[in-house]
């Protein structure tokens, strides 16, 4: 039986899956990710080069109020 560890709170919990109910495990490598620059620079790059939408300055043209979340 495969033993799978799930993140839970600040630790984890484990569960043994029956072989017939286990097809595989996807493992995140998020904890190993290191950003190529600061959070401020990442936010600036995202605003300057959005994916799939016009730039913020273009979307705000002619508007009186703008909300950024």
C-alpha atoms as a PDB file:
ATOM      1  CA  UNK A   1       0.000   0.000   0.000  1.00  0.00           C
ATOM      2  CA  UNK A   2       1.460   3.379  -0.989  1.00  0.00           C
ATOM      3  CA  UNK A   3       1.918   5.812   1.888  1.00  0.00           C
ATOM      4  CA  UNK A   4       1.036   9.392   0.880  1.00  0.00           C
ATOM      5  CA  UNK A   5       1.814  12.431   3.013  1.00  0.00           C
ATOM      6  CA  UNK A   6      -0.582  15.418   2.840  1.00  0.00           C
ATOM      7  CA  UNK A   7       0.312  18.906   4.099  1.00  0.00           C
ATOM      8  CA  UNK A   8      -1.877  19.719   7.096  1.00  0.00           C
ATOM      9  CA  UNK A   9      -1.443  22.852   9.202  1.00  0.00           C
ATOM     10  CA  UNK A  10       2.248  23.260   9.936  1.00  0.00           C
ATOM     11  CA  UNK A  11       2.873  19.543   9.576  1.00  0.00           C
ATOM     12  CA  UNK A  12       1.375  16.698   7.598  1.00  0.00           C
ATOM     13  CA  UNK A  13      -0.852  13.643   7.848  1.00  0.00           C
ATOM     14  CA  UNK A  14      -0.240  10.286   6.202  1.00  0.00           C
ATOM     15  CA  UNK A  15      -2.608   7.837   4.556  1.00  0.00           C
ATOM     16  CA  UNK A  16      -2.036   4.356   3.209  1.00  0.00           C
ATOM     17  CA  UNK A  17      -3.967   3.930  -0.042  1.00  0.00           C
ATOM     18  CA  UNK A  18      -5.098   0.461  -1.122  1.00  0.00           C
ATOM     19  CA  UNK A  19      -3.152  -0.558  -4.245  1.00  0.00           C
ATOM     20  CA  UNK A  20      -6.286  -0.866  -6.355  1.00  0.00           C
ATOM     21  CA  UNK A  21      -7.288   2.751  -5.541  1.00  0.00           C
ATOM     22  CA  UNK A  22      -3.882   4.383  -6.148  1.00  0.00           C
ATOM     23  CA  UNK A  23      -2.807   5.510  -9.630  1.00  0.00           C
ATOM     24  CA  UNK A  24      -0.018   7.927  -8.786  1.00  0.00           C
ATOM     25  CA  UNK A  25       1.074  10.938  -6.789  1.00  0.00           C
ATOM     26  CA  UNK A  26       1.645  14.490  -8.003  1.00  0.00           C
ATOM     27  CA  UNK A  27       4.348  16.205  -5.968  1.00  0.00           C
ATOM     28  CA  UNK A  28       4.687  20.000  -5.851  1.00  0.00           C
ATOM     29  CA  UNK A  29       8.121  21.560  -6.034  1.00  0.00           C
ATOM     30  CA  UNK A  30       6.814  24.946  -4.875  1.00  0.00           C
ATOM     31  CA  UNK A  31       9.033  24.949  -1.795  1.00  0.00           C
ATOM     32  CA  UNK A  32      12.102  24.713  -4.052  1.00  0.00           C
ATOM     33  CA  UNK A  33      11.045  27.710  -6.228  1.00  0.00           C
ATOM     34  CA  UNK A  34      13.270  30.758  -5.996  1.00  0.00           C
ATOM     35  CA  UNK A  35      11.972  33.952  -7.611  1.00  0.00           C
ATOM     36  CA  UNK A  36      14.361  35.515 -10.128  1.00  0.00           C
ATOM     37  CA  UNK A  37      13.892  38.975  -8.566  1.00  0.00           C
ATOM     38  CA  UNK A  38      12.163  40.827  -5.722  1.00  0.00           C
ATOM     39  CA  UNK A  39       8.398  40.814  -5.114  1.00  0.00           C
ATOM     40  CA  UNK A  40       8.266  44.488  -6.107  1.00  0.00           C
ATOM     41  CA  UNK A  41      10.006  43.767  -9.411  1.00  0.00           C
ATOM     42  CA  UNK A  42       7.757  40.755 -10.105  1.00  0.00           C
ATOM     43  CA  UNK A  43       4.651  42.921  -9.565  1.00  0.00           C
ATOM     44  CA  UNK A  44       6.083  45.693 -11.752  1.00  0.00           C
ATOM     45  CA  UNK A  45       6.846  43.226 -14.576  1.00  0.00           C
ATOM     46  CA  UNK A  46       3.331  41.742 -14.355  1.00  0.00           C
ATOM     47  CA  UNK A  47       1.731  45.183 -14.641  1.00  0.00           C
ATOM     48  CA  UNK A  48       4.009  46.260 -17.493  1.00  0.00           C
ATOM     49  CA  UNK A  49       3.643  42.991 -19.444  1.00  0.00           C
ATOM     50  CA  UNK A  50       0.213  41.424 -18.733  1.00  0.00           C
ATOM     51  CA  UNK A  51      -0.666  38.059 -20.274  1.00  0.00           C
ATOM     52  CA  UNK A  52      -3.781  37.926 -22.446  1.00  0.00           C
ATOM     53  CA  UNK A  53      -5.107  41.433 -21.706  1.00  0.00           C
ATOM     54  CA  UNK A  54      -4.143  45.008 -22.659  1.00  0.00           C
ATOM     55  CA  UNK A  55      -1.873  47.021 -20.381  1.00  0.00           C
ATOM     56  CA  UNK A  56      -3.500  48.584 -17.332  1.00  0.00           C
ATOM     57  CA  UNK A  57      -2.989  52.094 -18.729  1.00  0.00           C
ATOM     58  CA  UNK A  58      -4.950  51.124 -21.870  1.00  0.00           C
ATOM     59  CA  UNK A  59      -7.799  49.514 -19.898  1.00  0.00           C
ATOM     60  CA  UNK A  60      -8.060  52.616 -17.651  1.00  0.00           C
ATOM     61  CA  UNK A  61      -8.377  55.111 -20.512  1.00  0.00           C
ATOM     62  CA  UNK A  62     -11.568  57.166 -20.199  1.00  0.00           C
ATOM     63  CA  UNK A  63     -12.445  55.696 -16.800  1.00  0.00           C
ATOM     64  CA  UNK A  64     -13.091  57.821 -13.713  1.00  0.00           C
ATOM     65  CA  UNK A  65     -12.505  55.056 -11.131  1.00  0.00           C
ATOM     66  CA  UNK A  66     -10.131  52.101 -11.159  1.00  0.00           C
ATOM     67  CA  UNK A  67      -9.867  49.260  -8.660  1.00  0.00           C
ATOM     68  CA  UNK A  68      -6.847  46.950  -8.644  1.00  0.00           C
ATOM     69  CA  UNK A  69      -7.061  43.726  -6.675  1.00  0.00           C
END
